[in-house]
Amino acid sequence: MSFGEDLVFVLNYLKHCNRISFTQEPLYQHEVYNSVSLTHSFSPARFSNLEDIQKAILDFADDKNKINPRIYDKYVKDALHLTRMWYKNKNVPYIRKKEIIGEWLKQSYIRKLKISDYQLHWKDRMLLHSLHMSCFIGINWIVNGKEYINSLSKE
């Protein structure tokens, strides 16, 4: 895992704690900005990392029968963001974008979500629905809009 490993480590660590204490004192401050770090770059592996992170969160939550649907909120936000980043990448052919998204969707939590549980902007709702249904043309249209329509008229 190249993205989110800190969260996965912390969740696994917390499972073994008997007691947790809190303090108001800031014990750690991270201010380094690195434009080539994993948080500022993109690779298709991020989709798999997203699933690994969500699995760690669900495993930490433990009782799957009583999980609040809000536990998926960050996952949905990240899934939409990663999809936009991937589909806006002009260096990757459409067919490759479709392959990567298709492979990710086969093992993703997206298909398990009840879309009506999420209060989203209409564009986000359409994108989530398109992902849920594996509608690749819809995904491309929602993400790239006019650019996509213009590219169709040139073909």
Foldseek 3Di string as FASTA:
>chain_A
DQPPPVVLVVLVVVVPDPDDDDDPDDPDDDDDDDCPGPVNDDDLCVLVVLQVNLVSLCVSVPDVVPDDLCSCVVSLVVVLVNLLVLLVPPVDDLVVSLVSLVVSLVPHCLLVDDLVVDDDDPLSSQCSVCSNVSVSVSSNCSNVPPVSVVVVVVD
